[in-house]
Amino acid sequence: MNVVELTGRISQDIKLFTTNGGTSVATLNIAVKPDFVKKGDEPKPEFIPVTVWSSLADVCAENLCKGYLVGITGRLQRRTYDTAEGEHRYVTEVIADKVEFLSKPKEAEAAPAEAKKSKSKKAS
């Protein structure tokens, strides 16, 4: 079974792309606090890459921005790709099936919607 459930804050603005086939893809990173911390240590969040597809990607890009607390349900995926320089890269990410909007950041409550939207780009 491959099921991932995470709760964390979006750590950078969402990037929205459109594939050559016209499908929307949003990428975001969420900062997840650790459950356990050694005594005397400062808790360091894990930054988890998340990919959201189709209409859910559009909804996320239109309504979320850095600082929002979200709940993510999805699956873990590992993939490889080659960079333009010919380097082989590995990526482990969460493919989101569900994104729950849990709370707004204090700055976002006053921010206009245009500031939250990312520019669309073509994905290869």
PDB file of N, CA and C in Angstrom:
ATOM      1  N   MET A   1       0.845  -1.172   0.000  1.00  0.00           N
ATOM      2  CA  MET A   1       0.000   0.000   0.000  1.00  0.00           C
ATOM      3  C   MET A   1       0.893   1.237   0.000  1.00  0.00           C
ATOM      4  N   ASN A   2       0.578   2.191  -0.840  1.00  0.00           N
ATOM      5  CA  ASN A   2       1.373   3.412  -0.972  1.00  0.00           C
ATOM      6  C   ASN A   2       0.458   4.601  -0.693  1.00  0.00           C
ATOM      7  N   VAL A   3       0.355   4.982   0.581  1.00  0.00           N
ATOM      8  CA  VAL A   3      -0.493   6.093   0.996  1.00  0.00           C
ATOM      9  C   VAL A   3       0.323   7.013   1.887  1.00  0.00           C
ATOM     10  N   VAL A   4       0.262   8.315   1.575  1.00  0.00           N
ATOM     11  CA  VAL A   4       0.992   9.319   2.342  1.00  0.00           C
ATOM     12  C   VAL A   4      -0.008  10.354   2.835  1.00  0.00           C
ATOM     13  N   GLU A   5       0.078  10.712   4.119  1.00  0.00           N
ATOM     14  CA  GLU A   5      -0.720  11.795   4.684  1.00  0.00           C
ATOM     15  C   GLU A   5       0.223  12.739   5.404  1.00  0.00           C
ATOM     16  N   LEU A   6       0.196  14.007   5.012  1.00  0.00           N
ATOM     17  CA  LEU A   6       1.088  15.004   5.585  1.00  0.00           C
ATOM     18  C   LEU A   6       0.303  16.259   5.943  1.00  0.00           C
ATOM     19  N   THR A   7       0.746  16.939   6.984  1.00  0.00           N
ATOM     20  CA  THR A   7       0.218  18.252   7.326  1.00  0.00           C
ATOM     21  C   THR A   7       1.412  19.171   7.489  1.00  0.00           C
ATOM     22  N   GLY A   8       1.373  20.310   6.792  1.00  0.00           N
ATOM     23  CA  GLY A   8       2.482  21.243   6.886  1.00  0.00           C
ATOM     24  C   GLY A   8       2.149  22.551   6.210  1.00  0.00           C
ATOM     25  N   ARG A   9       3.069  23.487   6.322  1.00  0.00           N
ATOM     26  CA  ARG A   9       2.890  24.804   5.710  1.00  0.00           C
ATOM     27  C   ARG A   9       3.615  24.846   4.371  1.00  0.00           C
ATOM     28  N   ILE A  10       2.991  25.506   3.404  1.00  0.00           N
ATOM     29  CA  ILE A  10       3.613  25.679   2.092  1.00  0.00           C
ATOM     30  C   ILE A  10       4.821  26.583   2.272  1.00  0.00           C
ATOM     31  N   SER A  11       5.986  26.131   1.820  1.00  0.00           N
ATOM     32  CA  SER A  11       7.236  26.849   2.101  1.00  0.00           C
ATOM     33  C   SER A  11       7.670  27.815   0.999  1.00  0.00           C
ATOM     34  N   GLN A  12       7.028  27.758  -0.165  1.00  0.00           N
ATOM     35  CA  GLN A  12       7.316  28.703  -1.245  1.00  0.00           C
ATOM     36  C   GLN A  12       6.088  28.767  -2.145  1.00  0.00           C
ATOM     37  N   ASP A  13       5.988  29.832  -2.927  1.00  0.00           N
ATOM     38  CA  ASP A  13       4.815  29.980  -3.774  1.00  0.00           C
ATOM     39  C   ASP A  13       4.693  28.823  -4.755  1.00  0.00           C
ATOM     40  N   ILE A  14       3.460  28.478  -5.053  1.00  0.00           N
ATOM     41  CA  ILE A  14       3.138  27.368  -5.945  1.00  0.00           C
ATOM     42  C   ILE A  14       3.488  27.737  -7.383  1.00  0.00           C
ATOM     43  N   LYS A  15       4.012  26.756  -8.116  1.00  0.00           N
ATOM     44  CA  LYS A  15       4.309  26.950  -9.536  1.00  0.00           C
ATOM     45  C   LYS A  15       3.290  26.138 -10.332  1.00  0.00           C
ATOM     46  N   LEU A  16       2.612  26.800 -11.260  1.00  0.00           N
ATOM     47  CA  LEU A  16       1.604  26.148 -12.089  1.00  0.00           C
ATOM     48  C   LEU A  16       2.124  26.043 -13.513  1.00  0.00           C
ATOM     49  N   PHE A  17       2.045  24.846 -14.081  1.00  0.00           N
ATOM     50  CA  PHE A  17       2.475  24.574 -15.446  1.00  0.00           C
ATOM     51  C   PHE A  17       1.317  23.956 -16.212  1.00  0.00           C
ATOM     52  N   THR A  18       1.427  23.942 -17.507  1.00  0.00           N
ATOM     53  CA  THR A  18       0.488  23.231 -18.369  1.00  0.00           C
ATOM     54  C   THR A  18       1.302  22.308 -19.261  1.00  0.00           C
ATOM     55  N   THR A  19       0.922  21.028 -19.290  1.00  0.00           N
ATOM     56  CA  THR A  19       1.641  20.080 -20.142  1.00  0.00           C
ATOM     57  C   THR A  19       1.314  20.368 -21.598  1.00  0.00           C
ATOM     58  N   ASN A  20       2.069  19.777 -22.502  1.00  0.00           N
ATOM     59  CA  ASN A  20       1.803  19.934 -23.936  1.00  0.00           C
ATOM     60  C   ASN A  20       0.405  19.439 -24.290  1.00  0.00           C
ATOM     61  N   GLY A  21      -0.116  18.498 -23.508  1.00  0.00           N
ATOM     62  CA  GLY A  21      -1.462  17.973 -23.731  1.00  0.00           C
ATOM     63  C   GLY A  21      -2.554  18.815 -23.098  1.00  0.00           C
ATOM     64  N   GLY A  22      -2.174  19.903 -22.397  1.00  0.00           N
ATOM     65  CA  GLY A  22      -3.156  20.805 -21.816  1.00  0.00           C
ATOM     66  C   GLY A  22      -3.551  20.514 -20.374  1.00  0.00           C
ATOM     67  N   THR A  23      -2.882  19.585 -19.717  1.00  0.00           N
ATOM     68  CA  THR A  23      -3.185  19.247 -18.329  1.00  0.00           C
ATOM     69  C   THR A  23      -2.424  20.165 -17.382  1.00  0.00           C
ATOM     70  N   SER A  24      -3.113  20.678 -16.377  1.00  0.00           N
ATOM     71  CA  SER A  24      -2.473  21.537 -15.378  1.00  0.00           C
ATOM     72  C   SER A  24      -1.688  20.709 -14.375  1.00  0.00           C
ATOM     73  N   VAL A  25      -0.514  21.228 -13.984  1.00  0.00           N
ATOM     74  CA  VAL A  25       0.343  20.595 -12.991  1.00  0.00           C
ATOM     75  C   VAL A  25       0.850  21.684 -12.058  1.00  0.00           C
ATOM     76  N   ALA A  26       0.632  21.513 -10.758  1.00  0.00           N
ATOM     77  CA  ALA A  26       1.140  22.462  -9.769  1.00  0.00           C
ATOM     78  C   ALA A  26       2.195  21.762  -8.923  1.00  0.00           C
ATOM     79  N   THR A  27       3.281  22.477  -8.647  1.00  0.00           N
ATOM     80  CA  THR A  27       4.304  21.942  -7.759  1.00  0.00           C
ATOM     81  C   THR A  27       4.428  22.866  -6.554  1.00  0.00           C
ATOM     82  N   LEU A  28       4.604  22.256  -5.402  1.00  0.00           N
ATOM     83  CA  LEU A  28       4.769  23.012  -4.169  1.00  0.00           C
ATOM     84  C   LEU A  28       5.621  22.209  -3.210  1.00  0.00           C
ATOM     85  N   ASN A  29       6.132  22.878  -2.213  1.00  0.00           N
ATOM     86  CA  ASN A  29       6.876  22.219  -1.147  1.00  0.00           C
ATOM     87  C   ASN A  29       6.174  22.538   0.159  1.00  0.00           C
ATOM     88  N   ILE A  30       6.069  21.529   1.029  1.00  0.00           N
ATOM     89  CA  ILE A  30       5.509  21.809   2.341  1.00  0.00           C
ATOM     90  C   ILE A  30       6.537  21.470   3.417  1.00  0.00           C
ATOM     91  N   ALA A  31       6.541  22.297   4.448  1.00  0.00           N
ATOM     92  CA  ALA A  31       7.416  22.091   5.600  1.00  0.00           C
ATOM     93  C   ALA A  31       6.630  21.317   6.649  1.00  0.00           C
ATOM     94  N   VAL A  32       7.125  20.134   6.998  1.00  0.00           N
ATOM     95  CA  VAL A  32       6.461  19.262   7.949  1.00  0.00           C
ATOM     96  C   VAL A  32       7.317  19.173   9.204  1.00  0.00           C
ATOM     97  N   LYS A  33       6.694  19.466  10.360  1.00  0.00           N
ATOM     98  CA  LYS A  33       7.421  19.389  11.630  1.00  0.00           C
ATOM     99  C   LYS A  33       7.644  17.928  12.012  1.00  0.00           C
ATOM    100  N   PRO A  34       8.798  17.628  12.605  1.00  0.00           N
ATOM    101  CA  PRO A  34       9.041  16.251  13.032  1.00  0.00           C
ATOM    102  C   PRO A  34       8.188  15.899  14.249  1.00  0.00           C
ATOM    103  N   ASP A  35       7.820  14.615  14.352  1.00  0.00           N
ATOM    104  CA  ASP A  35       7.054  14.158  15.512  1.00  0.00           C
ATOM    105  C   ASP A  35       7.910  14.098  16.773  1.00  0.00           C
ATOM    106  N   PHE A  36       9.171  13.731  16.600  1.00  0.00           N
ATOM    107  CA  PHE A  36      10.059  13.564  17.738  1.00  0.00           C
ATOM    108  C   PHE A  36      11.324  14.386  17.546  1.00  0.00           C
ATOM    109  N   VAL A  37      11.788  14.987  18.621  1.00  0.00           N
ATOM    110  CA  VAL A  37      13.020  15.769  18.604  1.00  0.00           C
ATOM    111  C   VAL A  37      13.822  15.359  19.824  1.00  0.00           C
ATOM    112  N   LYS A  38      15.132  15.156  19.653  1.00  0.00           N
ATOM    113  CA  LYS A  38      15.985  14.825  20.790  1.00  0.00           C
ATOM    114  C   LYS A  38      15.955  15.956  21.800  1.00  0.00           C
ATOM    115  N   LYS A  39      16.042  15.604  23.036  1.00  0.00           N
ATOM    116  CA  LYS A  39      16.025  16.596  24.101  1.00  0.00           C
ATOM    117  C   LYS A  39      17.156  17.606  23.885  1.00  0.00           C
ATOM    118  N   GLY A  40      16.811  18.890  23.908  1.00  0.00           N
ATOM    119  CA  GLY A  40      17.793  19.950  23.708  1.00  0.00           C
ATOM    120  C   GLY A  40      17.988  20.355  22.256  1.00  0.00           C
ATOM    121  N   ASP A  41      17.466  19.558  21.310  1.00  0.00           N
ATOM    122  CA  ASP A  41      17.603  19.895  19.890  1.00  0.00           C
ATOM    123  C   ASP A  41      16.456  20.797  19.440  1.00  0.00           C
ATOM    124  N   GLU A  42      16.747  21.628  18.468  1.00  0.00           N
ATOM    125  CA  GLU A  42      15.736  22.488  17.857  1.00  0.00           C
ATOM    126  C   GLU A  42      15.024  21.669  16.780  1.00  0.00           C
ATOM    127  N   PRO A  43      13.678  21.685  16.734  1.00  0.00           N
ATOM    128  CA  PRO A  43      12.986  20.922  15.677  1.00  0.00           C
ATOM    129  C   PRO A  43      13.279  21.509  14.298  1.00  0.00           C
ATOM    130  N   LYS A  44      13.677  20.651  13.366  1.00  0.00           N
ATOM    131  CA  LYS A  44      13.971  21.075  11.998  1.00  0.00           C
ATOM    132  C   LYS A  44      12.939  20.443  11.072  1.00  0.00           C
ATOM    133  N   PRO A  45      12.211  21.261  10.319  1.00  0.00           N
ATOM    134  CA  PRO A  45      11.187  20.684   9.455  1.00  0.00           C
ATOM    135  C   PRO A  45      11.797  19.941   8.268  1.00  0.00           C
ATOM    136  N   GLU A  46      11.039  18.980   7.766  1.00  0.00           N
ATOM    137  CA  GLU A  46      11.362  18.301   6.520  1.00  0.00           C
ATOM    138  C   GLU A  46      10.618  19.046   5.419  1.00  0.00           C
ATOM    139  N   PHE A  47      11.278  19.311   4.290  1.00  0.00           N
ATOM    140  CA  PHE A  47      10.645  19.986   3.170  1.00  0.00           C
ATOM    141  C   PHE A  47      10.305  18.933   2.119  1.00  0.00           C
ATOM    142  N   ILE A  48       9.012  18.717   1.910  1.00  0.00           N
ATOM    143  CA  ILE A  48       8.526  17.637   1.067  1.00  0.00           C
ATOM    144  C   ILE A  48       7.980  18.206  -0.247  1.00  0.00           C
ATOM    145  N   PRO A  49       8.507  17.768  -1.404  1.00  0.00           N
ATOM    146  CA  PRO A  49       7.949  18.213  -2.681  1.00  0.00           C
ATOM    147  C   PRO A  49       6.627  17.496  -2.977  1.00  0.00           C
ATOM    148  N   VAL A  50       5.654  18.258  -3.449  1.00  0.00           N
ATOM    149  CA  VAL A  50       4.323  17.731  -3.748  1.00  0.00           C
ATOM    150  C   VAL A  50       3.943  18.161  -5.163  1.00  0.00           C
ATOM    151  N   THR A  51       3.360  17.240  -5.924  1.00  0.00           N
ATOM    152  CA  THR A  51       2.856  17.533  -7.265  1.00  0.00           C
ATOM    153  C   THR A  51       1.357  17.287  -7.273  1.00  0.00           C
ATOM    154  N   VAL A  52       0.621  18.251  -7.844  1.00  0.00           N
ATOM    155  CA  VAL A  52      -0.837  18.173  -7.920  1.00  0.00           C
ATOM    156  C   VAL A  52      -1.226  18.295  -9.392  1.00  0.00           C
ATOM    157  N   TRP A  53      -2.179  17.482  -9.845  1.00  0.00           N
ATOM    158  CA  TRP A  53      -2.551  17.428 -11.258  1.00  0.00           C
ATOM    159  C   TRP A  53      -3.976  17.901 -11.506  1.00  0.00           C
ATOM    160  N   SER A  54      -4.246  18.288 -12.738  1.00  0.00           N
ATOM    161  CA  SER A  54      -5.570  18.594 -13.292  1.00  0.00           C
ATOM    162  C   SER A  54      -6.262  19.750 -12.593  1.00  0.00           C
ATOM    163  N   SER A  55      -7.573  19.640 -12.387  1.00  0.00           N
ATOM    164  CA  SER A  55      -8.345  20.756 -11.831  1.00  0.00           C
ATOM    165  C   SER A  55      -7.933  21.068 -10.403  1.00  0.00           C
ATOM    166  N   LEU A  56      -7.499  20.062  -9.646  1.00  0.00           N
ATOM    167  CA  LEU A  56      -7.021  20.311  -8.286  1.00  0.00           C
ATOM    168  C   LEU A  56      -5.784  21.202  -8.306  1.00  0.00           C
ATOM    169  N   ALA A  57      -4.943  21.059  -9.314  1.00  0.00           N
ATOM    170  CA  ALA A  57      -3.765  21.920  -9.465  1.00  0.00           C
ATOM    171  C   ALA A  57      -4.192  23.367  -9.674  1.00  0.00           C
ATOM    172  N   ASP A  58      -5.206  23.580 -10.509  1.00  0.00           N
ATOM    173  CA  ASP A  58      -5.706  24.927 -10.756  1.00  0.00           C
ATOM    174  C   ASP A  58      -6.274  25.546  -9.480  1.00  0.00           C
ATOM    175  N   VAL A  59      -7.045  24.779  -8.731  1.00  0.00           N
ATOM    176  CA  VAL A  59      -7.642  25.267  -7.485  1.00  0.00           C
ATOM    177  C   VAL A  59      -6.551  25.647  -6.483  1.00  0.00           C
ATOM    178  N   CYS A  60      -5.544  24.811  -6.362  1.00  0.00           N
ATOM    179  CA  CYS A  60      -4.443  25.096  -5.429  1.00  0.00           C
ATOM    180  C   CYS A  60      -3.698  26.364  -5.835  1.00  0.00           C
ATOM    181  N   ALA A  61      -3.387  26.497  -7.125  1.00  0.00           N
ATOM    182  CA  ALA A  61      -2.637  27.659  -7.605  1.00  0.00           C
ATOM    183  C   ALA A  61      -3.432  28.949  -7.424  1.00  0.00           C
ATOM    184  N   GLU A  62      -4.738  28.888  -7.552  1.00  0.00           N
ATOM    185  CA  GLU A  62      -5.582  30.077  -7.418  1.00  0.00           C
ATOM    186  C   GLU A  62      -5.814  30.489  -5.968  1.00  0.00           C
ATOM    187  N   ASN A  63      -5.765  29.531  -5.039  1.00  0.00           N
ATOM    188  CA  ASN A  63      -6.198  29.807  -3.674  1.00  0.00           C
ATOM    189  C   ASN A  63      -5.125  29.694  -2.600  1.00  0.00           C
ATOM    190  N   LEU A  64      -3.982  29.124  -2.919  1.00  0.00           N
ATOM    191  CA  LEU A  64      -2.943  28.910  -1.905  1.00  0.00           C
ATOM    192  C   LEU A  64      -1.695  29.717  -2.223  1.00  0.00           C
ATOM    193  N   CYS A  65      -0.919  30.005  -1.199  1.00  0.00           N
ATOM    194  CA  CYS A  65       0.378  30.644  -1.368  1.00  0.00           C
ATOM    195  C   CYS A  65       1.252  30.259  -0.177  1.00  0.00           C
ATOM    196  N   LYS A  66       2.456  30.741  -0.179  1.00  0.00           N
ATOM    197  CA  LYS A  66       3.419  30.462   0.886  1.00  0.00           C
ATOM    198  C   LYS A  66       2.801  30.772   2.248  1.00  0.00           C
ATOM    199  N   GLY A  67       2.964  29.842   3.178  1.00  0.00           N
ATOM    200  CA  GLY A  67       2.491  30.041   4.539  1.00  0.00           C
ATOM    201  C   GLY A  67       1.194  29.338   4.885  1.00  0.00           C
ATOM    202  N   TYR A  68       0.413  28.931   3.880  1.00  0.00           N
ATOM    203  CA  TYR A  68      -0.833  28.229   4.159  1.00  0.00           C
ATOM    204  C   TYR A  68      -0.545  26.878   4.804  1.00  0.00           C
ATOM    205  N   LEU A  69      -1.370  26.505   5.777  1.00  0.00           N
ATOM    206  CA  LEU A  69      -1.313  25.176   6.376  1.00  0.00           C
ATOM    207  C   LEU A  69      -2.234  24.276   5.562  1.00  0.00           C
ATOM    208  N   VAL A  70      -1.697  23.170   5.055  1.00  0.00           N
ATOM    209  CA  VAL A  70      -2.469  22.252   4.223  1.00  0.00           C
ATOM    210  C   VAL A  70      -2.319  20.819   4.719  1.00  0.00           C
ATOM    211  N   GLY A  71      -3.327  20.027   4.435  1.00  0.00           N
ATOM    212  CA  GLY A  71      -3.274  18.581   4.650  1.00  0.00           C
ATOM    213  C   GLY A  71      -3.219  17.934   3.282  1.00  0.00           C
ATOM    214  N   ILE A  72      -2.277  17.049   3.076  1.00  0.00           N
ATOM    215  CA  ILE A  72      -2.073  16.393   1.783  1.00  0.00           C
ATOM    216  C   ILE A  72      -2.290  14.888   1.959  1.00  0.00           C
ATOM    217  N   THR A  73      -3.068  14.299   1.073  1.00  0.00           N
ATOM    218  CA  THR A  73      -3.209  12.853   0.996  1.00  0.00           C
ATOM    219  C   THR A  73      -2.834  12.458  -0.421  1.00  0.00           C
ATOM    220  N   GLY A  74      -1.976  11.450  -0.537  1.00  0.00           N
ATOM    221  CA  GLY A  74      -1.543  11.036  -1.868  1.00  0.00           C
ATOM    222  C   GLY A  74      -0.684   9.796  -1.803  1.00  0.00           C
ATOM    223  N   ARG A  75       0.230   9.714  -2.757  1.00  0.00           N
ATOM    224  CA  ARG A  75       1.125   8.549  -2.833  1.00  0.00           C
ATOM    225  C   ARG A  75       2.544   9.030  -3.085  1.00  0.00           C
ATOM    226  N   LEU A  76       3.485   8.233  -2.659  1.00  0.00           N
ATOM    227  CA  LEU A  76       4.893   8.538  -2.857  1.00  0.00           C
ATOM    228  C   LEU A  76       5.331   8.017  -4.222  1.00  0.00           C
ATOM    229  N   GLN A  77       6.103   8.829  -4.939  1.00  0.00           N
ATOM    230  CA  GLN A  77       6.599   8.436  -6.258  1.00  0.00           C
ATOM    231  C   GLN A  77       8.070   8.790  -6.370  1.00  0.00           C
ATOM    232  N   ARG A  78       8.831   7.890  -6.948  1.00  0.00           N
ATOM    233  CA  ARG A  78      10.243   8.153  -7.228  1.00  0.00           C
ATOM    234  C   ARG A  78      10.432   8.058  -8.732  1.00  0.00           C
ATOM    235  N   ARG A  79      11.086   9.073  -9.302  1.00  0.00           N
ATOM    236  CA  ARG A  79      11.314   9.095 -10.748  1.00  0.00           C
ATOM    237  C   ARG A  79      12.710   9.617 -11.034  1.00  0.00           C
ATOM    238  N   THR A  80      13.138   9.406 -12.268  1.00  0.00           N
ATOM    239  CA  THR A  80      14.447   9.892 -12.691  1.00  0.00           C
ATOM    240  C   THR A  80      14.280  10.742 -13.946  1.00  0.00           C
ATOM    241  N   TYR A  81      15.230  11.626 -14.158  1.00  0.00           N
ATOM    242  CA  TYR A  81      15.262  12.421 -15.375  1.00  0.00           C
ATOM    243  C   TYR A  81      16.695  12.862 -15.622  1.00  0.00           C
ATOM    244  N   ASP A  82      16.963  13.300 -16.858  1.00  0.00           N
ATOM    245  CA  ASP A  82      18.282  13.816 -17.235  1.00  0.00           C
ATOM    246  C   ASP A  82      18.176  15.327 -17.430  1.00  0.00           C
ATOM    247  N   THR A  83      19.123  16.059 -16.878  1.00  0.00           N
ATOM    248  CA  THR A  83      19.146  17.511 -17.027  1.00  0.00           C
ATOM    249  C   THR A  83      19.647  17.870 -18.422  1.00  0.00           C
ATOM    250  N   ALA A  84      19.559  19.145 -18.765  1.00  0.00           N
ATOM    251  CA  ALA A  84      20.054  19.623 -20.057  1.00  0.00           C
ATOM    252  C   ALA A  84      21.556  19.386 -20.186  1.00  0.00           C
ATOM    253  N   GLU A  85      22.253  19.341 -19.035  1.00  0.00           N
ATOM    254  CA  GLU A  85      23.701  19.095 -19.031  1.00  0.00           C
ATOM    255  C   GLU A  85      24.036  17.610 -19.071  1.00  0.00           C
ATOM    256  N   GLY A  86      23.004  16.745 -19.133  1.00  0.00           N
ATOM    257  CA  GLY A  86      23.226  15.304 -19.212  1.00  0.00           C
ATOM    258  C   GLY A  86      23.381  14.615 -17.869  1.00  0.00           C
ATOM    259  N   GLU A  87      23.120  15.305 -16.770  1.00  0.00           N
ATOM    260  CA  GLU A  87      23.223  14.698 -15.434  1.00  0.00           C
ATOM    261  C   GLU A  87      21.954  13.911 -15.125  1.00  0.00           C
ATOM    262  N   HIS A  88      22.118  12.739 -14.540  1.00  0.00           N
ATOM    263  CA  HIS A  88      21.003  11.883 -14.162  1.00  0.00           C
ATOM    264  C   HIS A  88      20.538  12.291 -12.763  1.00  0.00           C
ATOM    265  N   ARG A  89      19.256  12.604 -12.590  1.00  0.00           N
ATOM    266  CA  ARG A  89      18.715  13.049 -11.299  1.00  0.00           C
ATOM    267  C   ARG A  89      17.594  12.131 -10.842  1.00  0.00           C
ATOM    268  N   TYR A  90      17.482  11.981  -9.521  1.00  0.00           N
ATOM    269  CA  TYR A  90      16.409  11.224  -8.894  1.00  0.00           C
ATOM    270  C   TYR A  90      15.544  12.186  -8.099  1.00  0.00           C
ATOM    271  N   VAL A  91      14.229  11.985  -8.160  1.00  0.00           N
ATOM    272  CA  VAL A  91      13.290  12.818  -7.420  1.00  0.00           C
ATOM    273  C   VAL A  91      12.323  11.906  -6.678  1.00  0.00           C
ATOM    274  N   THR A  92      12.134  12.173  -5.396  1.00  0.00           N
ATOM    275  CA  THR A  92      11.096  11.505  -4.615  1.00  0.00           C
ATOM    276  C   THR A  92      10.098  12.584  -4.232  1.00  0.00           C
ATOM    277  N   GLU A  93       8.833  12.376  -4.571  1.00  0.00           N
ATOM    278  CA  GLU A  93       7.812  13.395  -4.343  1.00  0.00           C
ATOM    279  C   GLU A  93       6.497  12.737  -3.959  1.00  0.00           C
ATOM    280  N   VAL A  94       5.590  13.551  -3.460  1.00  0.00           N
ATOM    281  CA  VAL A  94       4.236  13.094  -3.161  1.00  0.00           C
ATOM    282  C   VAL A  94       3.341  13.551  -4.303  1.00  0.00           C
ATOM    283  N   ILE A  95       2.575  12.620  -4.854  1.00  0.00           N
ATOM    284  CA  ILE A  95       1.564  12.949  -5.856  1.00  0.00           C
ATOM    285  C   ILE A  95       0.249  13.061  -5.085  1.00  0.00           C
ATOM    286  N   ALA A  96      -0.282  14.290  -5.008  1.00  0.00           N
ATOM    287  CA  ALA A  96      -1.450  14.552  -4.178  1.00  0.00           C
ATOM    288  C   ALA A  96      -2.744  14.146  -4.863  1.00  0.00           C
ATOM    289  N   ASP A  97      -3.586  13.417  -4.125  1.00  0.00           N
ATOM    290  CA  ASP A  97      -4.939  13.097  -4.569  1.00  0.00           C
ATOM    291  C   ASP A  97      -5.938  14.047  -3.919  1.00  0.00           C
ATOM    292  N   LYS A  98      -5.565  14.559  -2.743  1.00  0.00           N
ATOM    293  CA  LYS A  98      -6.451  15.431  -1.975  1.00  0.00           C
ATOM    294  C   LYS A  98      -5.608  16.496  -1.279  1.00  0.00           C
ATOM    295  N   VAL A  99      -6.065  17.746  -1.329  1.00  0.00           N
ATOM    296  CA  VAL A  99      -5.398  18.848  -0.637  1.00  0.00           C
ATOM    297  C   VAL A  99      -6.456  19.574   0.185  1.00  0.00           C
ATOM    298  N   GLU A 100      -6.279  19.585   1.492  1.00  0.00           N
ATOM    299  CA  GLU A 100      -7.201  20.290   2.383  1.00  0.00           C
ATOM    300  C   GLU A 100      -6.581  21.615   2.787  1.00  0.00           C
ATOM    301  N   PHE A 101      -7.349  22.687   2.660  1.00  0.00           N
ATOM    302  CA  PHE A 101      -6.906  24.021   3.065  1.00  0.00           C
ATOM    303  C   PHE A 101      -7.248  24.156   4.544  1.00  0.00           C
ATOM    304  N   LEU A 102      -6.234  24.167   5.422  1.00  0.00           N
ATOM    305  CA  LEU A 102      -6.483  24.154   6.863  1.00  0.00           C
ATOM    306  C   LEU A 102      -6.482  25.536   7.495  1.00  0.00           C
ATOM    307  N   SER A 103      -5.517  26.380   7.155  1.00  0.00           N
ATOM    308  CA  SER A 103      -5.533  27.752   7.674  1.00  0.00           C
ATOM    309  C   SER A 103      -4.663  28.652   6.824  1.00  0.00           C
ATOM    310  N   LYS A 104      -5.033  29.928   6.800  1.00  0.00           N
ATOM    311  CA  LYS A 104      -4.298  30.927   6.035  1.00  0.00           C
ATOM    312  C   LYS A 104      -3.143  31.475   6.866  1.00  0.00           C
ATOM    313  N   PRO A 105      -2.077  31.898   6.191  1.00  0.00           N
ATOM    314  CA  PRO A 105      -1.033  32.630   6.919  1.00  0.00           C
ATOM    315  C   PRO A 105      -1.558  34.022   7.225  1.00  0.00           C
ATOM    316  N   LYS A 106      -1.038  34.661   8.264  1.00  0.00           N
ATOM    317  CA  LYS A 106      -1.500  35.999   8.633  1.00  0.00           C
ATOM    318  C   LYS A 106      -1.315  36.993   7.510  1.00  0.00           C
ATOM    319  N   GLU A 107      -0.199  36.899   6.763  1.00  0.00           N
ATOM    320  CA  GLU A 107       0.069  37.833   5.661  1.00  0.00           C
ATOM    321  C   GLU A 107      -0.922  37.646   4.522  1.00  0.00           C
ATOM    322  N   ALA A 108      -1.396  36.417   4.301  1.00  0.00           N
ATOM    323  CA  ALA A 108      -2.246  36.121   3.138  1.00  0.00           C
ATOM    324  C   ALA A 108      -3.661  36.644   3.319  1.00  0.00           C
ATOM    325  N   GLU A 109      -4.098  36.849   4.547  1.00  0.00           N
ATOM    326  CA  GLU A 109      -5.464  37.313   4.771  1.00  0.00           C
ATOM    327  C   GLU A 109      -5.696  38.677   4.149  1.00  0.00           C
ATOM    328  N   ALA A 110      -4.651  39.498   4.092  1.00  0.00           N
ATOM    329  CA  ALA A 110      -4.783  40.827   3.517  1.00  0.00           C
ATOM    330  C   ALA A 110      -4.257  40.906   2.084  1.00  0.00           C
ATOM    331  N   ALA A 111      -3.611  39.846   1.589  1.00  0.00           N
ATOM    332  CA  ALA A 111      -2.976  39.875   0.262  1.00  0.00           C
ATOM    333  C   ALA A 111      -4.020  39.728  -0.837  1.00  0.00           C
ATOM    334  N   PRO A 112      -3.891  40.488  -1.919  1.00  0.00           N
ATOM    335  CA  PRO A 112      -4.823  40.334  -3.043  1.00  0.00           C
ATOM    336  C   PRO A 112      -4.583  39.006  -3.755  1.00  0.00           C
ATOM    337  N   ALA A 113      -5.604  38.517  -4.438  1.00  0.00           N
ATOM    338  CA  ALA A 113      -5.528  37.225  -5.130  1.00  0.00           C
ATOM    339  C   ALA A 113      -4.445  37.201  -6.189  1.00  0.00           C
ATOM    340  N   GLU A 114      -4.192  38.347  -6.854  1.00  0.00           N
ATOM    341  CA  GLU A 114      -3.183  38.366  -7.915  1.00  0.00           C
ATOM    342  C   GLU A 114      -1.793  38.038  -7.381  1.00  0.00           C
ATOM    343  N   ALA A 115      -1.519  38.380  -6.129  1.00  0.00           N
ATOM    344  CA  ALA A 115      -0.200  38.120  -5.554  1.00  0.00           C
ATOM    345  C   ALA A 115       0.013  36.637  -5.324  1.00  0.00           C
ATOM    346  N   LYS A 116      -1.082  35.875  -5.199  1.00  0.00           N
ATOM    347  CA  LYS A 116      -0.979  34.450  -4.920  1.00  0.00           C
ATOM    348  C   LYS A 116      -0.760  33.623  -6.177  1.00  0.00           C
ATOM    349  N   LYS A 117      -1.220  34.139  -7.322  1.00  0.00           N
ATOM    350  CA  LYS A 117      -1.176  33.346  -8.556  1.00  0.00           C
ATOM    351  C   LYS A 117       0.225  33.319  -9.154  1.00  0.00           C
ATOM    352  N   SER A 118       0.613  32.140  -9.634  1.00  0.00           N
ATOM    353  CA  SER A 118       1.889  32.002 -10.342  1.00  0.00           C
ATOM    354  C   SER A 118       1.612  32.052 -11.835  1.00  0.00           C
ATOM    355  N   LYS A 119       2.605  32.414 -12.602  1.00  0.00           N
ATOM    356  CA  LYS A 119       2.459  32.448 -14.050  1.00  0.00           C
ATOM    357  C   LYS A 119       2.501  31.031 -14.607  1.00  0.00           C
ATOM    358  N   SER A 120       1.654  30.772 -15.587  1.00  0.00           N
ATOM    359  CA  SER A 120       1.612  29.449 -16.220  1.00  0.00           C
ATOM    360  C   SER A 120       2.776  29.306 -17.182  1.00  0.00           C
ATOM    361  N   LYS A 121       3.310  28.085 -17.253  1.00  0.00           N
ATOM    362  CA  LYS A 121       4.406  27.764 -18.167  1.00  0.00           C
ATOM    363  C   LYS A 121       4.116  26.431 -18.808  1.00  0.00           C
ATOM    364  N   LYS A 122       4.781  26.146 -19.900  1.00  0.00           N
ATOM    365  CA  LYS A 122       4.671  24.828 -20.542  1.00  0.00           C
ATOM    366  C   LYS A 122       5.645  23.872 -19.868  1.00  0.00           C
ATOM    367  N   ALA A 123       5.167  22.680 -19.510  1.00  0.00           N
ATOM    368  CA  ALA A 123       6.032  21.641 -18.943  1.00  0.00           C
ATOM    369  C   ALA A 123       6.415  20.691 -20.056  1.00  0.00           C
ATOM    370  N   SER A 124       7.636  20.147 -19.972  1.00  0.00           N
ATOM    371  CA  SER A 124       8.023  19.212 -21.018  1.00  0.00           C
ATOM    372  C   SER A 124       7.673  17.819 -20.625  1.00  0.00           C
TER     373      SER A 124
END
